[in-house]
């Protein structure tokens, strides 16, 4: 009996001893502060809570700003929709007034009388009868020689030209005016200037449009020049000038041309 009681007491003592050892392992020898590696401290818990509160306040403020911007956008969209509706209404009003004005103009405008159309004016007639084509240009060139064994002379030259053809085609007659103009000069190294080309050529023809390829025709040509001509290399002696000389030639005969008008020949029986 005593042996059993002693055994129970020994077990109780060992249990109490184990509890004390575990308590000492958990708590420090002095004070009641818990070890940080066992559970978080009160200060750490408080700091985390404050951070969470601050984050929540920041997010709440951001959500408030976003809600305010959304509300402003909704108000702006509503205002724009009202302006759009007003503009569409004004457009419909303007279109209805414009249609009413057009109907009024149509009602007071005189209607075109029935029957044949009026004759075309002189401008339309000339546009159908007349045909014009031509070309013009300006040529400039320069020649420079250095130790050229074959000889030569430095020079610069320029030439302007213009050509045109005007045809008036009627049912029974055809008139044609052909013009050819050219003027060119050259400047040499010794500072002299010579005329290279100078002409005014005008040709006028009047032909009868018959059923055959041979038609009576009259041709007049006029030839002269623009500027004075000199007896080069002496540029002080004038040998020609404007309208001196001038040639006028008139001839009458027959004109032959193919159906495609790519080839034609004029035979004159009278020449003045």
C-alpha atoms as a PDB file:
ATOM      1  CA  UNK A   1       0.000   0.000   0.000  1.00  0.00           C
ATOM      2  CA  UNK A   2       2.730   2.442   0.965  1.00  0.00           C
ATOM      3  CA  UNK A   3       4.650   1.389  -2.085  1.00  0.00           C
ATOM      4  CA  UNK A   4       1.674   2.282  -4.310  1.00  0.00           C
ATOM      5  CA  UNK A   5       1.231   5.720  -2.709  1.00  0.00           C
ATOM      6  CA  UNK A   6       4.881   6.491  -3.146  1.00  0.00           C
ATOM      7  CA  UNK A   7       4.678   5.503  -6.813  1.00  0.00           C
ATOM      8  CA  UNK A   8       1.724   7.857  -7.390  1.00  0.00           C
ATOM      9  CA  UNK A   9       3.497  10.716  -5.649  1.00  0.00           C
ATOM     10  CA  UNK A  10       6.589  10.120  -7.738  1.00  0.00           C
ATOM     11  CA  UNK A  11       4.574  10.281 -10.941  1.00  0.00           C
ATOM     12  CA  UNK A  12       2.835  13.508  -9.778  1.00  0.00           C
ATOM     13  CA  UNK A  13       6.203  15.043  -8.962  1.00  0.00           C
ATOM     14  CA  UNK A  14       7.615  14.133 -12.351  1.00  0.00           C
ATOM     15  CA  UNK A  15       4.534  15.608 -14.054  1.00  0.00           C
ATOM     16  CA  UNK A  16       4.820  18.862 -12.076  1.00  0.00           C
ATOM     17  CA  UNK A  17       8.527  18.974 -12.908  1.00  0.00           C
ATOM     18  CA  UNK A  18       7.823  18.594 -16.632  1.00  0.00           C
ATOM     19  CA  UNK A  19       5.255  21.410 -16.466  1.00  0.00           C
ATOM     20  CA  UNK A  20       7.784  23.725 -14.818  1.00  0.00           C
ATOM     21  CA  UNK A  21      10.431  22.853 -17.402  1.00  0.00           C
ATOM     22  CA  UNK A  22       8.071  23.576 -20.264  1.00  0.00           C
ATOM     23  CA  UNK A  23       7.001  26.854 -18.656  1.00  0.00           C
ATOM     24  CA  UNK A  24      10.605  27.932 -18.259  1.00  0.00           C
ATOM     25  CA  UNK A  25      11.216  27.070 -21.934  1.00  0.00           C
ATOM     26  CA  UNK A  26       8.278  29.235 -23.003  1.00  0.00           C
ATOM     27  CA  UNK A  27       8.718  32.235 -20.682  1.00  0.00           C
ATOM     28  CA  UNK A  28      11.943  34.018 -19.831  1.00  0.00           C
ATOM     29  CA  UNK A  29      13.338  33.819 -16.349  1.00  0.00           C
ATOM     30  CA  UNK A  30      12.364  37.446 -15.612  1.00  0.00           C
ATOM     31  CA  UNK A  31       9.160  39.151 -16.807  1.00  0.00           C
ATOM     32  CA  UNK A  32       6.120  37.825 -18.653  1.00  0.00           C
ATOM     33  CA  UNK A  33       7.039  38.897 -22.280  1.00  0.00           C
ATOM     34  CA  UNK A  34       6.594  36.140 -24.837  1.00  0.00           C
ATOM     35  CA  UNK A  35       9.377  35.106 -27.157  1.00  0.00           C
ATOM     36  CA  UNK A  36       8.925  36.604 -30.635  1.00  0.00           C
ATOM     37  CA  UNK A  37       9.595  33.328 -32.430  1.00  0.00           C
ATOM     38  CA  UNK A  38       6.671  31.701 -30.621  1.00  0.00           C
ATOM     39  CA  UNK A  39       3.890  34.297 -31.253  1.00  0.00           C
ATOM     40  CA  UNK A  40       3.799  37.961 -32.568  1.00  0.00           C
ATOM     41  CA  UNK A  41       4.080  40.759 -30.064  1.00  0.00           C
ATOM     42  CA  UNK A  42       1.333  43.223 -29.276  1.00  0.00           C
ATOM     43  CA  UNK A  43       3.282  46.093 -30.901  1.00  0.00           C
ATOM     44  CA  UNK A  44       3.643  44.117 -34.138  1.00  0.00           C
ATOM     45  CA  UNK A  45      -0.074  43.355 -34.185  1.00  0.00           C
ATOM     46  CA  UNK A  46      -0.909  47.012 -33.588  1.00  0.00           C
ATOM     47  CA  UNK A  47       1.430  48.201 -36.355  1.00  0.00           C
ATOM     48  CA  UNK A  48      -0.082  45.754 -38.878  1.00  0.00           C
ATOM     49  CA  UNK A  49      -3.568  46.859 -37.913  1.00  0.00           C
ATOM     50  CA  UNK A  50      -2.688  50.548 -38.398  1.00  0.00           C
ATOM     51  CA  UNK A  51      -1.189  49.788 -41.824  1.00  0.00           C
ATOM     52  CA  UNK A  52      -4.336  47.931 -42.847  1.00  0.00           C
ATOM     53  CA  UNK A  53      -6.444  50.852 -41.667  1.00  0.00           C
ATOM     54  CA  UNK A  54      -4.348  53.327 -43.665  1.00  0.00           C
ATOM     55  CA  UNK A  55      -4.543  51.125 -46.796  1.00  0.00           C
ATOM     56  CA  UNK A  56      -8.299  50.866 -46.412  1.00  0.00           C
ATOM     57  CA  UNK A  57      -8.587  54.663 -46.002  1.00  0.00           C
ATOM     58  CA  UNK A  58      -6.464  55.214 -49.133  1.00  0.00           C
ATOM     59  CA  UNK A  59      -8.529  52.771 -51.173  1.00  0.00           C
ATOM     60  CA  UNK A  60     -11.725  54.329 -49.863  1.00  0.00           C
ATOM     61  CA  UNK A  61     -10.492  57.792 -50.928  1.00  0.00           C
ATOM     62  CA  UNK A  62      -9.520  56.497 -54.382  1.00  0.00           C
ATOM     63  CA  UNK A  63     -12.915  54.870 -54.790  1.00  0.00           C
ATOM     64  CA  UNK A  64     -14.575  58.165 -53.828  1.00  0.00           C
ATOM     65  CA  UNK A  65     -12.534  60.077 -56.459  1.00  0.00           C
ATOM     66  CA  UNK A  66     -13.339  57.465 -59.125  1.00  0.00           C
ATOM     67  CA  UNK A  67     -17.045  57.622 -58.286  1.00  0.00           C
ATOM     68  CA  UNK A  68     -16.905  61.419 -58.531  1.00  0.00           C
ATOM     69  CA  UNK A  69     -15.180  61.264 -61.978  1.00  0.00           C
ATOM     70  CA  UNK A  70     -17.719  58.728 -63.199  1.00  0.00           C
ATOM     71  CA  UNK A  71     -20.540  60.994 -62.082  1.00  0.00           C
ATOM     72  CA  UNK A  72     -18.977  63.968 -63.908  1.00  0.00           C
ATOM     73  CA  UNK A  73     -18.582  61.909 -67.079  1.00  0.00           C
ATOM     74  CA  UNK A  74     -22.192  60.819 -66.885  1.00  0.00           C
ATOM     75  CA  UNK A  75     -23.298  64.448 -66.538  1.00  0.00           C
ATOM     76  CA  UNK A  76     -21.115  65.468 -69.523  1.00  0.00           C
ATOM     77  CA  UNK A  77     -22.539  62.654 -71.670  1.00  0.00           C
ATOM     78  CA  UNK A  78     -26.047  63.720 -70.741  1.00  0.00           C
ATOM     79  CA  UNK A  79     -25.288  67.343 -71.751  1.00  0.00           C
ATOM     80  CA  UNK A  80     -23.766  66.215 -75.078  1.00  0.00           C
ATOM     81  CA  UNK A  81     -26.785  64.041 -75.803  1.00  0.00           C
ATOM     82  CA  UNK A  82     -29.067  67.030 -75.204  1.00  0.00           C
ATOM     83  CA  UNK A  83     -26.962  69.182 -77.562  1.00  0.00           C
ATOM     84  CA  UNK A  84     -27.049  66.410 -80.175  1.00  0.00           C
ATOM     85  CA  UNK A  85     -30.818  66.201 -79.985  1.00  0.00           C
ATOM     86  CA  UNK A  86     -31.099  69.994 -80.341  1.00  0.00           C
ATOM     87  CA  UNK A  87     -28.746  70.003 -83.346  1.00  0.00           C
ATOM     88  CA  UNK A  88     -30.682  67.215 -85.078  1.00  0.00           C
ATOM     89  CA  UNK A  89     -33.923  69.115 -84.525  1.00  0.00           C
ATOM     90  CA  UNK A  90     -32.402  72.283 -86.006  1.00  0.00           C
ATOM     91  CA  UNK A  91     -31.135  70.287 -89.003  1.00  0.00           C
ATOM     92  CA  UNK A  92     -34.600  68.932 -89.674  1.00  0.00           C
ATOM     93  CA  UNK A  93     -36.062  72.436 -89.450  1.00  0.00           C
ATOM     94  CA  UNK A  94     -33.478  73.839 -91.895  1.00  0.00           C
ATOM     95  CA  UNK A  95     -34.032  70.977 -94.348  1.00  0.00           C
ATOM     96  CA  UNK A  96     -37.795  71.471 -94.253  1.00  0.00           C
ATOM     97  CA  UNK A  97     -37.406  75.225 -94.856  1.00  0.00           C
ATOM     98  CA  UNK A  98     -34.965  74.592 -97.724  1.00  0.00           C
ATOM     99  CA  UNK A  99     -37.371  72.150 -99.354  1.00  0.00           C
ATOM    100  CA  UNK A 100     -40.159  74.701 -99.024  1.00  0.00           C
ATOM    101  CA  UNK A 101     -37.987  77.398-100.664  1.00  0.00           C
ATOM    102  CA  UNK A 102     -37.061  75.035-103.529  1.00  0.00           C
ATOM    103  CA  UNK A 103     -40.707  74.207-104.112  1.00  0.00           C
ATOM    104  CA  UNK A 104     -41.548  77.909-104.180  1.00  0.00           C
ATOM    105  CA  UNK A 105     -38.740  78.617-106.661  1.00  0.00           C
ATOM    106  CA  UNK A 106     -39.932  75.780-108.897  1.00  0.00           C
ATOM    107  CA  UNK A 107     -43.476  77.140-108.790  1.00  0.00           C
ATOM    108  CA  UNK A 108     -42.496  80.672-109.876  1.00  0.00           C
ATOM    109  CA  UNK A 109     -39.819  79.651-112.446  1.00  0.00           C
ATOM    110  CA  UNK A 110     -41.096  79.669-116.032  1.00  0.00           C
ATOM    111  CA  UNK A 111     -41.272  76.259-117.586  1.00  0.00           C
ATOM    112  CA  UNK A 112     -39.366  75.490-120.737  1.00  0.00           C
ATOM    113  CA  UNK A 113     -41.689  75.655-123.719  1.00  0.00           C
ATOM    114  CA  UNK A 114     -42.306  72.527-125.695  1.00  0.00           C
ATOM    115  CA  UNK A 115     -40.915  72.193-129.166  1.00  0.00           C
ATOM    116  CA  UNK A 116     -37.458  72.252-130.763  1.00  0.00           C
ATOM    117  CA  UNK A 117     -34.536  73.539-128.782  1.00  0.00           C
ATOM    118  CA  UNK A 118     -33.231  77.037-129.549  1.00  0.00           C
ATOM    119  CA  UNK A 119     -30.245  77.381-131.814  1.00  0.00           C
ATOM    120  CA  UNK A 120     -26.813  77.166-130.276  1.00  0.00           C
ATOM    121  CA  UNK A 121     -24.938  80.398-129.685  1.00  0.00           C
ATOM    122  CA  UNK A 122     -21.911  81.478-131.677  1.00  0.00           C
ATOM    123  CA  UNK A 123     -19.446  80.222-129.035  1.00  0.00           C
ATOM    124  CA  UNK A 124     -20.800  76.664-129.197  1.00  0.00           C
ATOM    125  CA  UNK A 125     -20.743  76.773-132.987  1.00  0.00           C
ATOM    126  CA  UNK A 126     -17.111  77.956-133.057  1.00  0.00           C
ATOM    127  CA  UNK A 127     -16.085  75.289-130.569  1.00  0.00           C
ATOM    128  CA  UNK A 128     -17.453  72.619-132.897  1.00  0.00           C
ATOM    129  CA  UNK A 129     -15.954  74.165-136.058  1.00  0.00           C
ATOM    130  CA  UNK A 130     -12.554  75.364-134.881  1.00  0.00           C
ATOM    131  CA  UNK A 131      -9.574  73.220-134.014  1.00  0.00           C
ATOM    132  CA  UNK A 132      -6.240  74.529-132.774  1.00  0.00           C
ATOM    133  CA  UNK A 133      -2.954  72.831-132.036  1.00  0.00           C
ATOM    134  CA  UNK A 134       0.595  74.065-131.741  1.00  0.00           C
ATOM    135  CA  UNK A 135       3.916  73.832-129.966  1.00  0.00           C
ATOM    136  CA  UNK A 136       6.499  76.239-128.635  1.00  0.00           C
ATOM    137  CA  UNK A 137       9.872  76.012-126.958  1.00  0.00           C
ATOM    138  CA  UNK A 138      13.149  77.611-125.918  1.00  0.00           C
ATOM    139  CA  UNK A 139      16.561  76.085-126.671  1.00  0.00           C
ATOM    140  CA  UNK A 140      19.738  77.227-124.905  1.00  0.00           C
ATOM    141  CA  UNK A 141      23.188  75.703-125.500  1.00  0.00           C
ATOM    142  CA  UNK A 142      26.817  76.514-124.757  1.00  0.00           C
ATOM    143  CA  UNK A 143      30.049  75.346-126.385  1.00  0.00           C
ATOM    144  CA  UNK A 144      33.360  75.437-124.471  1.00  0.00           C
ATOM    145  CA  UNK A 145      36.671  74.313-126.029  1.00  0.00           C
ATOM    146  CA  UNK A 146      40.145  74.065-124.499  1.00  0.00           C
ATOM    147  CA  UNK A 147      43.207  73.193-126.597  1.00  0.00           C
ATOM    148  CA  UNK A 148      41.008  71.708-129.301  1.00  0.00           C
ATOM    149  CA  UNK A 149      43.295  70.562-132.122  1.00  0.00           C
ATOM    150  CA  UNK A 150      40.590  70.695-134.793  1.00  0.00           C
ATOM    151  CA  UNK A 151      39.894  74.344-134.043  1.00  0.00           C
ATOM    152  CA  UNK A 152      36.714  75.941-132.841  1.00  0.00           C
ATOM    153  CA  UNK A 153      35.420  78.846-130.819  1.00  0.00           C
ATOM    154  CA  UNK A 154      33.679  79.146-127.471  1.00  0.00           C
ATOM    155  CA  UNK A 155      30.080  80.251-127.862  1.00  0.00           C
ATOM    156  CA  UNK A 156      26.641  80.306-126.258  1.00  0.00           C
ATOM    157  CA  UNK A 157      23.355  80.397-128.155  1.00  0.00           C
ATOM    158  CA  UNK A 158      19.630  80.528-127.605  1.00  0.00           C
ATOM    159  CA  UNK A 159      16.571  80.047-129.783  1.00  0.00           C
ATOM    160  CA  UNK A 160      12.841  80.541-129.202  1.00  0.00           C
ATOM    161  CA  UNK A 161      10.217  79.125-131.528  1.00  0.00           C
ATOM    162  CA  UNK A 162       6.446  78.724-131.807  1.00  0.00           C
ATOM    163  CA  UNK A 163       4.284  76.880-134.356  1.00  0.00           C
ATOM    164  CA  UNK A 164       0.493  76.673-134.564  1.00  0.00           C
ATOM    165  CA  UNK A 165      -2.281  75.516-136.864  1.00  0.00           C
ATOM    166  CA  UNK A 166      -5.852  76.893-136.763  1.00  0.00           C
ATOM    167  CA  UNK A 167      -8.549  75.165-138.833  1.00  0.00           C
ATOM    168  CA  UNK A 168     -12.097  76.397-139.429  1.00  0.00           C
ATOM    169  CA  UNK A 169     -14.051  73.531-140.961  1.00  0.00           C
ATOM    170  CA  UNK A 170     -17.424  74.378-142.464  1.00  0.00           C
ATOM    171  CA  UNK A 171     -19.768  72.227-144.465  1.00  0.00           C
ATOM    172  CA  UNK A 172     -18.739  73.639-147.853  1.00  0.00           C
ATOM    173  CA  UNK A 173     -15.454  75.466-147.108  1.00  0.00           C
ATOM    174  CA  UNK A 174     -12.398  74.912-144.983  1.00  0.00           C
ATOM    175  CA  UNK A 175     -10.038  77.662-143.792  1.00  0.00           C
ATOM    176  CA  UNK A 176      -6.579  76.955-142.421  1.00  0.00           C
ATOM    177  CA  UNK A 177      -4.032  79.334-140.883  1.00  0.00           C
ATOM    178  CA  UNK A 178      -0.501  78.062-140.210  1.00  0.00           C
ATOM    179  CA  UNK A 179       2.108  80.118-138.361  1.00  0.00           C
ATOM    180  CA  UNK A 180       5.809  79.466-137.780  1.00  0.00           C
ATOM    181  CA  UNK A 181       7.940  81.863-135.710  1.00  0.00           C
ATOM    182  CA  UNK A 182      11.588  81.561-134.665  1.00  0.00           C
ATOM    183  CA  UNK A 183      14.337  83.804-133.367  1.00  0.00           C
ATOM    184  CA  UNK A 184      17.834  82.776-132.282  1.00  0.00           C
ATOM    185  CA  UNK A 185      21.153  84.490-131.526  1.00  0.00           C
ATOM    186  CA  UNK A 186      24.677  83.334-130.660  1.00  0.00           C
ATOM    187  CA  UNK A 187      27.387  84.991-128.560  1.00  0.00           C
ATOM    188  CA  UNK A 188      31.024  84.155-129.340  1.00  0.00           C
ATOM    189  CA  UNK A 189      34.209  84.434-127.321  1.00  0.00           C
ATOM    190  CA  UNK A 190      35.322  87.641-129.091  1.00  0.00           C
ATOM    191  CA  UNK A 191      32.114  89.278-127.719  1.00  0.00           C
ATOM    192  CA  UNK A 192      30.390  89.502-131.099  1.00  0.00           C
ATOM    193  CA  UNK A 193      26.708  88.580-131.392  1.00  0.00           C
ATOM    194  CA  UNK A 194      25.259  87.037-134.527  1.00  0.00           C
ATOM    195  CA  UNK A 195      21.683  86.191-135.467  1.00  0.00           C
ATOM    196  CA  UNK A 196      21.242  82.468-136.069  1.00  0.00           C
ATOM    197  CA  UNK A 197      17.548  82.227-136.958  1.00  0.00           C
ATOM    198  CA  UNK A 198      14.849  84.832-137.611  1.00  0.00           C
ATOM    199  CA  UNK A 199      11.558  84.144-139.361  1.00  0.00           C
ATOM    200  CA  UNK A 200       7.869  84.971-139.465  1.00  0.00           C
ATOM    201  CA  UNK A 201       5.995  82.605-141.771  1.00  0.00           C
ATOM    202  CA  UNK A 202       2.209  82.746-142.155  1.00  0.00           C
ATOM    203  CA  UNK A 203       0.194  80.564-144.527  1.00  0.00           C
ATOM    204  CA  UNK A 204      -3.534  80.948-145.168  1.00  0.00           C
ATOM    205  CA  UNK A 205      -5.532  78.523-147.320  1.00  0.00           C
ATOM    206  CA  UNK A 206      -9.174  78.439-148.378  1.00  0.00           C
ATOM    207  CA  UNK A 207     -10.467  75.182-149.860  1.00  0.00           C
ATOM    208  CA  UNK A 208     -13.789  73.995-151.193  1.00  0.00           C
ATOM    209  CA  UNK A 209     -15.119  70.823-149.603  1.00  0.00           C
ATOM    210  CA  UNK A 210     -16.540  68.784-152.458  1.00  0.00           C
ATOM    211  CA  UNK A 211     -17.514  65.161-152.842  1.00  0.00           C
ATOM    212  CA  UNK A 212     -14.284  64.261-154.603  1.00  0.00           C
ATOM    213  CA  UNK A 213     -10.696  64.221-153.362  1.00  0.00           C
ATOM    214  CA  UNK A 214      -9.769  67.063-155.763  1.00  0.00           C
ATOM    215  CA  UNK A 215     -10.950  70.465-154.503  1.00  0.00           C
ATOM    216  CA  UNK A 216     -10.360  74.040-155.619  1.00  0.00           C
ATOM    217  CA  UNK A 217      -8.046  75.854-153.231  1.00  0.00           C
ATOM    218  CA  UNK A 218      -6.369  79.232-152.745  1.00  0.00           C
ATOM    219  CA  UNK A 219      -3.168  79.664-150.740  1.00  0.00           C
ATOM    220  CA  UNK A 220      -1.526  82.878-149.510  1.00  0.00           C
ATOM    221  CA  UNK A 221       1.864  82.976-147.783  1.00  0.00           C
ATOM    222  CA  UNK A 222       3.604  85.826-145.988  1.00  0.00           C
ATOM    223  CA  UNK A 223       7.271  85.838-144.924  1.00  0.00           C
ATOM    224  CA  UNK A 224       9.351  88.410-143.037  1.00  0.00           C
ATOM    225  CA  UNK A 225      11.662  88.675-139.999  1.00  0.00           C
ATOM    226  CA  UNK A 226      11.822  90.220-136.497  1.00  0.00           C
ATOM    227  CA  UNK A 227      15.207  91.992-136.183  1.00  0.00           C
ATOM    228  CA  UNK A 228      17.933  93.554-138.272  1.00  0.00           C
ATOM    229  CA  UNK A 229      20.356  91.404-140.252  1.00  0.00           C
ATOM    230  CA  UNK A 230      24.020  92.356-140.697  1.00  0.00           C
ATOM    231  CA  UNK A 231      26.786  91.519-143.133  1.00  0.00           C
ATOM    232  CA  UNK A 232      28.744  89.355-140.700  1.00  0.00           C
ATOM    233  CA  UNK A 233      31.454  89.498-139.458  1.00  0.00           C
ATOM    234  CA  UNK A 234      30.872  93.215-140.017  1.00  0.00           C
ATOM    235  CA  UNK A 235      28.006  94.026-137.633  1.00  0.00           C
ATOM    236  CA  UNK A 236      27.777  97.681-138.687  1.00  0.00           C
ATOM    237  CA  UNK A 237      26.292  97.105-142.148  1.00  0.00           C
ATOM    238  CA  UNK A 238      22.543  96.416-142.040  1.00  0.00           C
ATOM    239  CA  UNK A 239      21.298  94.257-144.897  1.00  0.00           C
ATOM    240  CA  UNK A 240      17.742  93.482-143.642  1.00  0.00           C
ATOM    241  CA  UNK A 241      15.198  94.567-141.007  1.00  0.00           C
ATOM    242  CA  UNK A 242      11.605  94.061-139.937  1.00  0.00           C
ATOM    243  CA  UNK A 243       9.366  93.979-143.059  1.00  0.00           C
ATOM    244  CA  UNK A 244      12.473  94.504-145.185  1.00  0.00           C
ATOM    245  CA  UNK A 245      12.266  92.214-146.935  1.00  0.00           C
ATOM    246  CA  UNK A 246       8.670  90.955-146.732  1.00  0.00           C
ATOM    247  CA  UNK A 247       7.163  88.514-149.242  1.00  0.00           C
ATOM    248  CA  UNK A 248       3.499  87.933-150.021  1.00  0.00           C
ATOM    249  CA  UNK A 249       2.596  85.099-152.370  1.00  0.00           C
ATOM    250  CA  UNK A 250      -0.918  84.209-153.575  1.00  0.00           C
ATOM    251  CA  UNK A 251      -1.652  81.125-155.647  1.00  0.00           C
ATOM    252  CA  UNK A 252      -4.771  79.298-156.816  1.00  0.00           C
ATOM    253  CA  UNK A 253      -5.157  75.735-157.939  1.00  0.00           C
ATOM    254  CA  UNK A 254      -6.375  72.335-156.822  1.00  0.00           C
ATOM    255  CA  UNK A 255      -5.740  70.485-153.620  1.00  0.00           C
ATOM    256  CA  UNK A 256      -5.661  66.696-153.423  1.00  0.00           C
ATOM    257  CA  UNK A 257      -5.851  64.823-150.133  1.00  0.00           C
ATOM    258  CA  UNK A 258      -6.488  61.218-149.201  1.00  0.00           C
ATOM    259  CA  UNK A 259      -9.538  60.092-147.259  1.00  0.00           C
ATOM    260  CA  UNK A 260      -7.589  59.729-144.048  1.00  0.00           C
ATOM    261  CA  UNK A 261      -6.039  63.193-144.731  1.00  0.00           C
ATOM    262  CA  UNK A 262      -2.544  61.917-144.028  1.00  0.00           C
ATOM    263  CA  UNK A 263      -1.306  63.015-147.429  1.00  0.00           C
ATOM    264  CA  UNK A 264      -2.190  66.060-149.494  1.00  0.00           C
ATOM    265  CA  UNK A 265      -0.685  67.951-152.436  1.00  0.00           C
ATOM    266  CA  UNK A 266      -1.407  71.382-153.886  1.00  0.00           C
ATOM    267  CA  UNK A 267      -1.117  72.071-157.638  1.00  0.00           C
ATOM    268  CA  UNK A 268      -1.177  75.770-158.563  1.00  0.00           C
ATOM    269  CA  UNK A 269      -2.319  77.012-161.954  1.00  0.00           C
ATOM    270  CA  UNK A 270      -2.177  80.728-160.990  1.00  0.00           C
ATOM    271  CA  UNK A 271       0.701  82.348-159.156  1.00  0.00           C
ATOM    272  CA  UNK A 272       1.086  85.991-158.063  1.00  0.00           C
END
